[in-house]
Amino acid sequence: MTTSTPTTGTTGRPTAPPRLSPRKARDLETLHAAITVATDPVPCQSSDHPLAWISDDPDEAAAAARACRSCSVLEACGSYQRTHREPAGVWGGKTPSQRQRPKRTREVNPR
């Protein structure tokens, strides 16, 4: 039997994993439930390359994002990311760089 070594902090003592807020934990459970009951395969869960969704390689992440286009939980996944501002990984069919692009604003014509 193998055991995992806990992460250690600057003191050399094991550190606890980060705690989720009650809202984030509830929303993550809701997203997981949607993935579980999806009738079609969810790309991030059924891919031969699951690490593409958390890859630092822009081409891999872009390929993962494209695979999300037909996902039945795309909206729920994107909503989770927007609510909780997940900084890394592909969420809702968008890479971190796609989520960081500034939104265009309309120019207001003075009257």
PDB file of N, CA and C in Angstrom:
ATOM      1  N   MET A   1       0.840  -1.178   0.000  1.00  0.00           N
ATOM      2  CA  MET A   1       0.000   0.000   0.000  1.00  0.00           C
ATOM      3  C   MET A   1       0.880   1.235   0.000  1.00  0.00           C
ATOM      4  N   THR A   2       0.548   2.173  -0.874  1.00  0.00           N
ATOM      5  CA  THR A   2       1.310   3.413  -0.926  1.00  0.00           C
ATOM      6  C   THR A   2       0.539   4.512  -0.225  1.00  0.00           C
ATOM      7  N   THR A   3       1.278   5.389   0.380  1.00  0.00           N
ATOM      8  CA  THR A   3       0.658   6.531   1.027  1.00  0.00           C
ATOM      9  C   THR A   3       1.216   7.792   0.405  1.00  0.00           C
ATOM     10  N   SER A   4       0.423   8.832   0.430  1.00  0.00           N
ATOM     11  CA  SER A   4       0.897  10.084  -0.128  1.00  0.00           C
ATOM     12  C   SER A   4       1.534  10.904   0.981  1.00  0.00           C
ATOM     13  N   THR A   5       2.549  11.641   0.618  1.00  0.00           N
ATOM     14  CA  THR A   5       3.220  12.510   1.564  1.00  0.00           C
ATOM     15  C   THR A   5       2.486  13.839   1.601  1.00  0.00           C
ATOM     16  N   PRO A   6       2.116  14.303   2.798  1.00  0.00           N
ATOM     17  CA  PRO A   6       1.409  15.584   2.866  1.00  0.00           C
ATOM     18  C   PRO A   6       2.315  16.731   2.459  1.00  0.00           C
ATOM     19  N   THR A   7       1.724  17.756   1.920  1.00  0.00           N
ATOM     20  CA  THR A   7       2.466  18.948   1.561  1.00  0.00           C
ATOM     21  C   THR A   7       2.962  19.608   2.837  1.00  0.00           C
ATOM     22  N   THR A   8       4.181  20.124   2.797  1.00  0.00           N
ATOM     23  CA  THR A   8       4.697  20.791   3.978  1.00  0.00           C
ATOM     24  C   THR A   8       4.840  22.275   3.711  1.00  0.00           C
ATOM     25  N   GLY A   9       4.624  23.050   4.741  1.00  0.00           N
ATOM     26  CA  GLY A   9       4.762  24.500   4.662  1.00  0.00           C
ATOM     27  C   GLY A   9       6.185  24.910   4.969  1.00  0.00           C
ATOM     28  N   THR A  10       6.410  26.180   5.196  1.00  0.00           N
ATOM     29  CA  THR A  10       7.753  26.697   5.461  1.00  0.00           C
ATOM     30  C   THR A  10       8.297  26.201   6.790  1.00  0.00           C
ATOM     31  N   THR A  11       7.429  25.752   7.686  1.00  0.00           N
ATOM     32  CA  THR A  11       7.871  25.232   8.976  1.00  0.00           C
ATOM     33  C   THR A  11       8.298  23.777   8.886  1.00  0.00           C
ATOM     34  N   GLY A  12       8.066  23.135   7.758  1.00  0.00           N
ATOM     35  CA  GLY A  12       8.380  21.727   7.614  1.00  0.00           C
ATOM     36  C   GLY A  12       7.270  20.826   8.113  1.00  0.00           C
ATOM     37  N   ARG A  13       6.223  21.423   8.653  1.00  0.00           N
ATOM     38  CA  ARG A  13       5.077  20.657   9.140  1.00  0.00           C
ATOM     39  C   ARG A  13       4.060  20.481   8.021  1.00  0.00           C
ATOM     40  N   PRO A  14       3.315  19.386   8.071  1.00  0.00           N
ATOM     41  CA  PRO A  14       2.266  19.206   7.046  1.00  0.00           C
ATOM     42  C   PRO A  14       1.255  20.347   7.095  1.00  0.00           C
ATOM     43  N   THR A  15       0.813  20.754   5.925  1.00  0.00           N
ATOM     44  CA  THR A  15      -0.209  21.791   5.837  1.00  0.00           C
ATOM     45  C   THR A  15      -1.527  21.160   5.425  1.00  0.00           C
ATOM     46  N   ALA A  16      -2.588  21.725   5.921  1.00  0.00           N
ATOM     47  CA  ALA A  16      -3.923  21.224   5.583  1.00  0.00           C
ATOM     48  C   ALA A  16      -4.293  21.691   4.185  1.00  0.00           C
ATOM     49  N   PRO A  17      -5.082  20.903   3.472  1.00  0.00           N
ATOM     50  CA  PRO A  17      -5.555  21.371   2.164  1.00  0.00           C
ATOM     51  C   PRO A  17      -6.434  22.602   2.364  1.00  0.00           C
ATOM     52  N   PRO A  18      -6.519  23.465   1.352  1.00  0.00           N
ATOM     53  CA  PRO A  18      -7.349  24.667   1.505  1.00  0.00           C
ATOM     54  C   PRO A  18      -8.806  24.281   1.721  1.00  0.00           C
ATOM     55  N   ARG A  19      -9.466  25.039   2.552  1.00  0.00           N
ATOM     56  CA  ARG A  19     -10.885  24.798   2.814  1.00  0.00           C
ATOM     57  C   ARG A  19     -11.718  25.587   1.826  1.00  0.00           C
ATOM     58  N   LEU A  20     -12.802  24.980   1.414  1.00  0.00           N
ATOM     59  CA  LEU A  20     -13.736  25.647   0.524  1.00  0.00           C
ATOM     60  C   LEU A  20     -14.782  26.366   1.351  1.00  0.00           C
ATOM     61  N   SER A  21     -15.209  27.507   0.854  1.00  0.00           N
ATOM     62  CA  SER A  21     -16.325  28.175   1.515  1.00  0.00           C
ATOM     63  C   SER A  21     -17.559  27.296   1.346  1.00  0.00           C
ATOM     64  N   PRO A  22     -18.533  27.440   2.232  1.00  0.00           N
ATOM     65  CA  PRO A  22     -19.750  26.630   2.086  1.00  0.00           C
ATOM     66  C   PRO A  22     -20.408  26.820   0.720  1.00  0.00           C
ATOM     67  N   ARG A  23     -20.419  28.052   0.213  1.00  0.00           N
ATOM     68  CA  ARG A  23     -21.046  28.301  -1.088  1.00  0.00           C
ATOM     69  C   ARG A  23     -20.270  27.621  -2.212  1.00  0.00           C
ATOM     70  N   LYS A  24     -18.946  27.728  -2.172  1.00  0.00           N
ATOM     71  CA  LYS A  24     -18.143  27.110  -3.220  1.00  0.00           C
ATOM     72  C   LYS A  24     -18.283  25.589  -3.172  1.00  0.00           C
ATOM     73  N   ALA A  25     -18.292  25.029  -1.969  1.00  0.00           N
ATOM     74  CA  ALA A  25     -18.464  23.577  -1.836  1.00  0.00           C
ATOM     75  C   ALA A  25     -19.820  23.144  -2.387  1.00  0.00           C
ATOM     76  N   ARG A  26     -20.872  23.906  -2.080  1.00  0.00           N
ATOM     77  CA  ARG A  26     -22.211  23.580  -2.590  1.00  0.00           C
ATOM     78  C   ARG A  26     -22.258  23.674  -4.105  1.00  0.00           C
ATOM     79  N   ASP A  27     -21.674  24.745  -4.653  1.00  0.00           N
ATOM     80  CA  ASP A  27     -21.691  24.921  -6.105  1.00  0.00           C
ATOM     81  C   ASP A  27     -20.869  23.851  -6.807  1.00  0.00           C
ATOM     82  N   LEU A  28     -19.768  23.449  -6.206  1.00  0.00           N
ATOM     83  CA  LEU A  28     -18.948  22.386  -6.790  1.00  0.00           C
ATOM     84  C   LEU A  28     -19.697  21.048  -6.755  1.00  0.00           C
ATOM     85  N   GLU A  29     -20.425  20.794  -5.677  1.00  0.00           N
ATOM     86  CA  GLU A  29     -21.249  19.586  -5.599  1.00  0.00           C
ATOM     87  C   GLU A  29     -22.342  19.601  -6.659  1.00  0.00           C
ATOM     88  N   THR A  30     -22.933  20.764  -6.897  1.00  0.00           N
ATOM     89  CA  THR A  30     -23.975  20.900  -7.917  1.00  0.00           C
ATOM     90  C   THR A  30     -23.403  20.621  -9.300  1.00  0.00           C
ATOM     91  N   LEU A  31     -22.219  21.178  -9.583  1.00  0.00           N
ATOM     92  CA  LEU A  31     -21.570  20.936 -10.871  1.00  0.00           C
ATOM     93  C   LEU A  31     -21.233  19.460 -11.012  1.00  0.00           C
ATOM     94  N   HIS A  32     -20.709  18.853  -9.977  1.00  0.00           N
ATOM     95  CA  HIS A  32     -20.370  17.431 -10.025  1.00  0.00           C
ATOM     96  C   HIS A  32     -21.618  16.583 -10.273  1.00  0.00           C
ATOM     97  N   ALA A  33     -22.721  16.950  -9.640  1.00  0.00           N
ATOM     98  CA  ALA A  33     -23.977  16.212  -9.855  1.00  0.00           C
ATOM     99  C   ALA A  33     -24.420  16.327 -11.306  1.00  0.00           C
ATOM    100  N   ALA A  34     -24.274  17.526 -11.897  1.00  0.00           N
ATOM    101  CA  ALA A  34     -24.651  17.709 -13.309  1.00  0.00           C
ATOM    102  C   ALA A  34     -23.780  16.837 -14.208  1.00  0.00           C
ATOM    103  N   ILE A  35     -22.505  16.751 -13.885  1.00  0.00           N
ATOM    104  CA  ILE A  35     -21.590  15.907 -14.668  1.00  0.00           C
ATOM    105  C   ILE A  35     -21.991  14.446 -14.520  1.00  0.00           C
ATOM    106  N   THR A  36     -22.347  14.053 -13.318  1.00  0.00           N
ATOM    107  CA  THR A  36     -22.697  12.659 -13.039  1.00  0.00           C
ATOM    108  C   THR A  36     -23.940  12.207 -13.786  1.00  0.00           C
ATOM    109  N   VAL A  37     -24.933  13.087 -13.919  1.00  0.00           N
ATOM    110  CA  VAL A  37     -26.181  12.686 -14.572  1.00  0.00           C
ATOM    111  C   VAL A  37     -26.219  13.013 -16.065  1.00  0.00           C
ATOM    112  N   ALA A  38     -25.156  13.611 -16.588  1.00  0.00           N
ATOM    113  CA  ALA A  38     -25.127  13.947 -18.015  1.00  0.00           C
ATOM    114  C   ALA A  38     -25.306  12.676 -18.845  1.00  0.00           C
ATOM    115  N   THR A  39     -26.155  12.770 -19.856  1.00  0.00           N
ATOM    116  CA  THR A  39     -26.419  11.597 -20.689  1.00  0.00           C
ATOM    117  C   THR A  39     -25.349  11.395 -21.756  1.00  0.00           C
ATOM    118  N   ASP A  40     -24.710  12.463 -22.166  1.00  0.00           N
ATOM    119  CA  ASP A  40     -23.608  12.375 -23.128  1.00  0.00           C
ATOM    120  C   ASP A  40     -22.291  12.446 -22.365  1.00  0.00           C
ATOM    121  N   PRO A  41     -21.228  11.884 -22.920  1.00  0.00           N
ATOM    122  CA  PRO A  41     -19.931  11.973 -22.241  1.00  0.00           C
ATOM    123  C   PRO A  41     -19.515  13.438 -22.056  1.00  0.00           C
ATOM    124  N   VAL A  42     -18.995  13.738 -20.897  1.00  0.00           N
ATOM    125  CA  VAL A  42     -18.482  15.071 -20.593  1.00  0.00           C
ATOM    126  C   VAL A  42     -17.001  15.051 -20.966  1.00  0.00           C
ATOM    127  N   PRO A  43     -16.577  15.899 -21.917  1.00  0.00           N
ATOM    128  CA  PRO A  43     -15.216  15.809 -22.453  1.00  0.00           C
ATOM    129  C   PRO A  43     -14.102  15.795 -21.408  1.00  0.00           C
ATOM    130  N   CYS A  44     -14.186  16.628 -20.394  1.00  0.00           N
ATOM    131  CA  CYS A  44     -13.103  16.683 -19.409  1.00  0.00           C
ATOM    132  C   CYS A  44     -13.040  15.418 -18.560  1.00  0.00           C
ATOM    133  N   GLN A  45     -14.125  14.672 -18.520  1.00  0.00           N
ATOM    134  CA  GLN A  45     -14.179  13.444 -17.731  1.00  0.00           C
ATOM    135  C   GLN A  45     -13.950  12.188 -18.571  1.00  0.00           C
ATOM    136  N   SER A  46     -14.094  12.305 -19.879  1.00  0.00           N
ATOM    137  CA  SER A  46     -14.015  11.114 -20.726  1.00  0.00           C
ATOM    138  C   SER A  46     -12.877  11.169 -21.750  1.00  0.00           C
ATOM    139  N   SER A  47     -12.067  12.188 -21.707  1.00  0.00           N
ATOM    140  CA  SER A  47     -10.991  12.369 -22.678  1.00  0.00           C
ATOM    141  C   SER A  47      -9.845  11.385 -22.461  1.00  0.00           C
ATOM    142  N   ASP A  48      -9.160  11.067 -23.555  1.00  0.00           N
ATOM    143  CA  ASP A  48      -7.933  10.281 -23.460  1.00  0.00           C
ATOM    144  C   ASP A  48      -6.783  11.145 -22.932  1.00  0.00           C
ATOM    145  N   HIS A  49      -6.994  12.458 -22.906  1.00  0.00           N
ATOM    146  CA  HIS A  49      -5.974  13.416 -22.448  1.00  0.00           C
ATOM    147  C   HIS A  49      -6.569  14.354 -21.397  1.00  0.00           C
ATOM    148  N   PRO A  50      -6.940  13.832 -20.223  1.00  0.00           N
ATOM    149  CA  PRO A  50      -7.628  14.664 -19.229  1.00  0.00           C
ATOM    150  C   PRO A  50      -6.788  15.817 -18.693  1.00  0.00           C
ATOM    151  N   LEU A  51      -5.479  15.701 -18.756  1.00  0.00           N
ATOM    152  CA  LEU A  51      -4.632  16.782 -18.247  1.00  0.00           C
ATOM    153  C   LEU A  51      -4.638  18.016 -19.147  1.00  0.00           C
ATOM    154  N   ALA A  52      -5.204  17.887 -20.341  1.00  0.00           N
ATOM    155  CA  ALA A  52      -5.285  19.047 -21.239  1.00  0.00           C
ATOM    156  C   ALA A  52      -6.113  20.164 -20.606  1.00  0.00           C
ATOM    157  N   TRP A  53      -7.063  19.817 -19.750  1.00  0.00           N
ATOM    158  CA  TRP A  53      -7.934  20.830 -19.135  1.00  0.00           C
ATOM    159  C   TRP A  53      -7.209  21.657 -18.083  1.00  0.00           C
ATOM    160  N   ILE A  54      -6.034  21.178 -17.642  1.00  0.00           N
ATOM    161  CA  ILE A  54      -5.243  21.951 -16.684  1.00  0.00           C
ATOM    162  C   ILE A  54      -3.836  22.223 -17.209  1.00  0.00           C
ATOM    163  N   SER A  55      -3.642  22.056 -18.496  1.00  0.00           N
ATOM    164  CA  SER A  55      -2.329  22.222 -19.108  1.00  0.00           C
ATOM    165  C   SER A  55      -1.920  23.683 -19.204  1.00  0.00           C
ATOM    166  N   ASP A  56      -0.628  23.920 -19.042  1.00  0.00           N
ATOM    167  CA  ASP A  56      -0.062  25.256 -19.261  1.00  0.00           C
ATOM    168  C   ASP A  56       0.255  25.478 -20.739  1.00  0.00           C
ATOM    169  N   ASP A  57       0.190  24.415 -21.532  1.00  0.00           N
ATOM    170  CA  ASP A  57       0.452  24.521 -22.965  1.00  0.00           C
ATOM    171  C   ASP A  57      -0.769  25.138 -23.645  1.00  0.00           C
ATOM    172  N   PRO A  58      -0.622  26.306 -24.274  1.00  0.00           N
ATOM    173  CA  PRO A  58      -1.771  26.970 -24.889  1.00  0.00           C
ATOM    174  C   PRO A  58      -2.487  26.128 -25.936  1.00  0.00           C
ATOM    175  N   ASP A  59      -1.741  25.342 -26.713  1.00  0.00           N
ATOM    176  CA  ASP A  59      -2.370  24.517 -27.749  1.00  0.00           C
ATOM    177  C   ASP A  59      -3.203  23.395 -27.133  1.00  0.00           C
ATOM    178  N   GLU A  60      -2.689  22.769 -26.082  1.00  0.00           N
ATOM    179  CA  GLU A  60      -3.450  21.717 -25.407  1.00  0.00           C
ATOM    180  C   GLU A  60      -4.709  22.284 -24.763  1.00  0.00           C
ATOM    181  N   ALA A  61      -4.564  23.422 -24.104  1.00  0.00           N
ATOM    182  CA  ALA A  61      -5.718  24.051 -23.448  1.00  0.00           C
ATOM    183  C   ALA A  61      -6.765  24.470 -24.484  1.00  0.00           C
ATOM    184  N   ALA A  62      -6.309  24.994 -25.615  1.00  0.00           N
ATOM    185  CA  ALA A  62      -7.247  25.400 -26.672  1.00  0.00           C
ATOM    186  C   ALA A  62      -7.991  24.192 -27.230  1.00  0.00           C
ATOM    187  N   ALA A  63      -7.290  23.072 -27.383  1.00  0.00           N
ATOM    188  CA  ALA A  63      -7.946  21.847 -27.864  1.00  0.00           C
ATOM    189  C   ALA A  63      -8.986  21.370 -26.843  1.00  0.00           C
ATOM    190  N   ALA A  64      -8.663  21.466 -25.566  1.00  0.00           N
ATOM    191  CA  ALA A  64      -9.621  21.087 -24.521  1.00  0.00           C
ATOM    192  C   ALA A  64     -10.843  22.001 -24.573  1.00  0.00           C
ATOM    193  N   ALA A  65     -10.608  23.289 -24.728  1.00  0.00           N
ATOM    194  CA  ALA A  65     -11.714  24.248 -24.794  1.00  0.00           C
ATOM    195  C   ALA A  65     -12.627  23.952 -25.985  1.00  0.00           C
ATOM    196  N   ARG A  66     -12.038  23.599 -27.122  1.00  0.00           N
ATOM    197  CA  ARG A  66     -12.852  23.253 -28.294  1.00  0.00           C
ATOM    198  C   ARG A  66     -13.688  22.007 -28.028  1.00  0.00           C
ATOM    199  N   ALA A  67     -13.130  21.059 -27.294  1.00  0.00           N
ATOM    200  CA  ALA A  67     -13.870  19.836 -26.991  1.00  0.00           C
ATOM    201  C   ALA A  67     -15.089  20.127 -26.117  1.00  0.00           C
ATOM    202  N   CYS A  68     -15.047  21.225 -25.400  1.00  0.00           N
ATOM    203  CA  CYS A  68     -16.167  21.590 -24.511  1.00  0.00           C
ATOM    204  C   CYS A  68     -17.391  22.097 -25.274  1.00  0.00           C
ATOM    205  N   ARG A  69     -17.234  22.493 -26.509  1.00  0.00           N
ATOM    206  CA  ARG A  69     -18.329  23.137 -27.247  1.00  0.00           C
ATOM    207  C   ARG A  69     -19.620  22.346 -27.260  1.00  0.00           C
ATOM    208  N   SER A  70     -19.525  21.019 -27.285  1.00  0.00           N
ATOM    209  CA  SER A  70     -20.739  20.196 -27.342  1.00  0.00           C
ATOM    210  C   SER A  70     -21.103  19.603 -25.978  1.00  0.00           C
ATOM    211  N   CYS A  71     -20.458  20.056 -24.930  1.00  0.00           N
ATOM    212  CA  CYS A  71     -20.681  19.492 -23.596  1.00  0.00           C
ATOM    213  C   CYS A  71     -22.039  19.918 -23.037  1.00  0.00           C
ATOM    214  N   SER A  72     -22.747  18.972 -22.460  1.00  0.00           N
ATOM    215  CA  SER A  72     -24.072  19.265 -21.912  1.00  0.00           C
ATOM    216  C   SER A  72     -24.018  20.072 -20.615  1.00  0.00           C
ATOM    217  N   VAL A  73     -22.865  20.155 -19.973  1.00  0.00           N
ATOM    218  CA  VAL A  73     -22.749  20.955 -18.746  1.00  0.00           C
ATOM    219  C   VAL A  73     -21.919  22.223 -18.958  1.00  0.00           C
ATOM    220  N   LEU A  74     -21.773  22.622 -20.216  1.00  0.00           N
ATOM    221  CA  LEU A  74     -20.967  23.797 -20.553  1.00  0.00           C
ATOM    222  C   LEU A  74     -21.419  25.041 -19.783  1.00  0.00           C
ATOM    223  N   GLU A  75     -22.701  25.310 -19.780  1.00  0.00           N
ATOM    224  CA  GLU A  75     -23.209  26.513 -19.104  1.00  0.00           C
ATOM    225  C   GLU A  75     -22.980  26.446 -17.599  1.00  0.00           C
ATOM    226  N   ALA A  76     -23.253  25.304 -16.992  1.00  0.00           N
ATOM    227  CA  ALA A  76     -23.060  25.161 -15.549  1.00  0.00           C
ATOM    228  C   ALA A  76     -21.591  25.304 -15.171  1.00  0.00           C
ATOM    229  N   CYS A  77     -20.731  24.758 -15.992  1.00  0.00           N
ATOM    230  CA  CYS A  77     -19.286  24.832 -15.759  1.00  0.00           C
ATOM    231  C   CYS A  77     -18.806  26.283 -15.868  1.00  0.00           C
ATOM    232  N   GLY A  78     -19.237  26.979 -16.912  1.00  0.00           N
ATOM    233  CA  GLY A  78     -18.856  28.378 -17.085  1.00  0.00           C
ATOM    234  C   GLY A  78     -19.403  29.258 -15.978  1.00  0.00           C
ATOM    235  N   SER A  79     -20.611  28.970 -15.545  1.00  0.00           N
ATOM    236  CA  SER A  79     -21.218  29.727 -14.452  1.00  0.00           C
ATOM    237  C   SER A  79     -20.426  29.536 -13.159  1.00  0.00           C
ATOM    238  N   TYR A  80     -20.001  28.306 -12.905  1.00  0.00           N
ATOM    239  CA  TYR A  80     -19.195  28.033 -11.722  1.00  0.00           C
ATOM    240  C   TYR A  80     -17.907  28.855 -11.774  1.00  0.00           C
ATOM    241  N   GLN A  81     -17.242  28.856 -12.917  1.00  0.00           N
ATOM    242  CA  GLN A  81     -15.987  29.600 -13.048  1.00  0.00           C
ATOM    243  C   GLN A  81     -16.204  31.091 -12.852  1.00  0.00           C
ATOM    244  N   ARG A  82     -17.258  31.633 -13.449  1.00  0.00           N
ATOM    245  CA  ARG A  82     -17.505  33.081 -13.318  1.00  0.00           C
ATOM    246  C   ARG A  82     -17.845  33.452 -11.871  1.00  0.00           C
ATOM    247  N   THR A  83     -18.586  32.602 -11.202  1.00  0.00           N
ATOM    248  CA  THR A  83     -18.964  32.870  -9.815  1.00  0.00           C
ATOM    249  C   THR A  83     -17.757  32.810  -8.888  1.00  0.00           C
ATOM    250  N   HIS A  84     -16.911  31.819  -9.091  1.00  0.00           N
ATOM    251  CA  HIS A  84     -15.811  31.575  -8.158  1.00  0.00           C
ATOM    252  C   HIS A  84     -14.447  32.005  -8.689  1.00  0.00           C
ATOM    253  N   ARG A  85     -14.412  32.566  -9.879  1.00  0.00           N
ATOM    254  CA  ARG A  85     -13.181  33.119 -10.461  1.00  0.00           C
ATOM    255  C   ARG A  85     -12.011  32.137 -10.424  1.00  0.00           C
ATOM    256  N   GLU A  86     -12.281  30.909 -10.868  1.00  0.00           N
ATOM    257  CA  GLU A  86     -11.209  29.919 -10.946  1.00  0.00           C
ATOM    258  C   GLU A  86     -10.148  30.460 -11.905  1.00  0.00           C
ATOM    259  N   PRO A  87      -8.914  30.627 -11.449  1.00  0.00           N
ATOM    260  CA  PRO A  87      -7.898  31.259 -12.285  1.00  0.00           C
ATOM    261  C   PRO A  87      -7.244  30.334 -13.313  1.00  0.00           C
ATOM    262  N   ALA A  88      -7.238  29.052 -13.053  1.00  0.00           N
ATOM    263  CA  ALA A  88      -6.493  28.136 -13.906  1.00  0.00           C
ATOM    264  C   ALA A  88      -7.412  27.093 -14.526  1.00  0.00           C
ATOM    265  N   GLY A  89      -6.939  26.512 -15.611  1.00  0.00           N
ATOM    266  CA  GLY A  89      -7.674  25.429 -16.247  1.00  0.00           C
ATOM    267  C   GLY A  89      -8.762  25.909 -17.185  1.00  0.00           C
ATOM    268  N   VAL A  90      -9.250  24.982 -17.976  1.00  0.00           N
ATOM    269  CA  VAL A  90     -10.338  25.258 -18.915  1.00  0.00           C
ATOM    270  C   VAL A  90     -11.646  25.096 -18.155  1.00  0.00           C
ATOM    271  N   TRP A  91     -12.477  26.113 -18.206  1.00  0.00           N
ATOM    272  CA  TRP A  91     -13.792  26.106 -17.548  1.00  0.00           C
ATOM    273  C   TRP A  91     -14.798  26.679 -18.524  1.00  0.00           C
ATOM    274  N   GLY A  92     -15.903  26.018 -18.693  1.00  0.00           N
ATOM    275  CA  GLY A  92     -16.956  26.537 -19.554  1.00  0.00           C
ATOM    276  C   GLY A  92     -16.498  26.767 -20.986  1.00  0.00           C
ATOM    277  N   GLY A  93     -15.574  25.951 -21.442  1.00  0.00           N
ATOM    278  CA  GLY A  93     -15.099  26.059 -22.817  1.00  0.00           C
ATOM    279  C   GLY A  93     -14.147  27.218 -23.068  1.00  0.00           C
ATOM    280  N   LYS A  94     -13.568  27.780 -22.007  1.00  0.00           N
ATOM    281  CA  LYS A  94     -12.641  28.901 -22.182  1.00  0.00           C
ATOM    282  C   LYS A  94     -11.358  28.644 -21.416  1.00  0.00           C
ATOM    283  N   THR A  95     -10.256  29.008 -22.060  1.00  0.00           N
ATOM    284  CA  THR A  95      -8.949  28.912 -21.431  1.00  0.00           C
ATOM    285  C   THR A  95      -8.759  30.118 -20.507  1.00  0.00           C
ATOM    286  N   PRO A  96      -7.772  30.063 -19.616  1.00  0.00           N
ATOM    287  CA  PRO A  96      -7.524  31.231 -18.766  1.00  0.00           C
ATOM    288  C   PRO A  96      -7.262  32.507 -19.574  1.00  0.00           C
ATOM    289  N   SER A  97      -6.525  32.406 -20.669  1.00  0.00           N
ATOM    290  CA  SER A  97      -6.252  33.609 -21.470  1.00  0.00           C
ATOM    291  C   SER A  97      -7.514  34.133 -22.143  1.00  0.00           C
ATOM    292  N   GLN A  98      -8.412  33.247 -22.547  1.00  0.00           N
ATOM    293  CA  GLN A  98      -9.678  33.695 -23.140  1.00  0.00           C
ATOM    294  C   GLN A  98     -10.557  34.392 -22.098  1.00  0.00           C
ATOM    295  N   ARG A  99     -10.489  33.937 -20.859  1.00  0.00           N
ATOM    296  CA  ARG A  99     -11.277  34.570 -19.796  1.00  0.00           C
ATOM    297  C   ARG A  99     -10.697  35.907 -19.374  1.00  0.00           C
ATOM    298  N   GLN A 100      -9.416  36.132 -19.613  1.00  0.00           N
ATOM    299  CA  GLN A 100      -8.768  37.373 -19.200  1.00  0.00           C
ATOM    300  C   GLN A 100      -8.876  38.486 -20.223  1.00  0.00           C
ATOM    301  N   ARG A 101      -9.338  38.155 -21.409  1.00  0.00           N
ATOM    302  CA  ARG A 101      -9.474  39.194 -22.438  1.00  0.00           C
ATOM    303  C   ARG A 101     -10.462  40.248 -21.965  1.00  0.00           C
ATOM    304  N   PRO A 102     -10.097  41.509 -22.113  1.00  0.00           N
ATOM    305  CA  PRO A 102     -11.034  42.552 -21.680  1.00  0.00           C
ATOM    306  C   PRO A 102     -12.275  42.564 -22.559  1.00  0.00           C
ATOM    307  N   LYS A 103     -13.388  42.835 -21.921  1.00  0.00           N
ATOM    308  CA  LYS A 103     -14.633  42.927 -22.672  1.00  0.00           C
ATOM    309  C   LYS A 103     -14.639  44.243 -23.429  1.00  0.00           C
ATOM    310  N   ARG A 104     -15.171  44.185 -24.627  1.00  0.00           N
ATOM    311  CA  ARG A 104     -15.295  45.413 -25.414  1.00  0.00           C
ATOM    312  C   ARG A 104     -16.409  46.265 -24.832  1.00  0.00           C
ATOM    313  N   THR A 105     -16.161  47.527 -24.819  1.00  0.00           N
ATOM    314  CA  THR A 105     -17.197  48.448 -24.363  1.00  0.00           C
ATOM    315  C   THR A 105     -17.605  49.321 -25.523  1.00  0.00           C
ATOM    316  N   ARG A 106     -18.838  49.680 -25.519  1.00  0.00           N
ATOM    317  CA  ARG A 106     -19.330  50.555 -26.591  1.00  0.00           C
ATOM    318  C   ARG A 106     -18.933  51.987 -26.298  1.00  0.00           C
ATOM    319  N   GLU A 107     -18.586  52.659 -27.352  1.00  0.00           N
ATOM    320  CA  GLU A 107     -18.307  54.080 -27.191  1.00  0.00           C
ATOM    321  C   GLU A 107     -19.630  54.805 -27.076  1.00  0.00           C
ATOM    322  N   VAL A 108     -19.674  55.708 -26.145  1.00  0.00           N
ATOM    323  CA  VAL A 108     -20.893  56.484 -25.951  1.00  0.00           C
ATOM    324  C   VAL A 108     -20.703  57.808 -26.676  1.00  0.00           C
ATOM    325  N   ASN A 109     -21.627  58.094 -27.587  1.00  0.00           N
ATOM    326  CA  ASN A 109     -21.556  59.345 -28.336  1.00  0.00           C
ATOM    327  C   ASN A 109     -22.168  60.467 -27.498  1.00  0.00           C
ATOM    328  N   PRO A 110     -21.384  61.514 -27.249  1.00  0.00           N
ATOM    329  CA  PRO A 110     -21.959  62.626 -26.489  1.00  0.00           C
ATOM    330  C   PRO A 110     -23.030  63.320 -27.294  1.00  0.00           C
ATOM    331  N   ARG A 111     -24.044  63.755 -26.638  1.00  0.00           N
ATOM    332  CA  ARG A 111     -25.153  64.442 -27.324  1.00  0.00           C
ATOM    333  C   ARG A 111     -25.023  65.912 -27.252  1.00  0.00           C
TER     334      ARG A 111
END
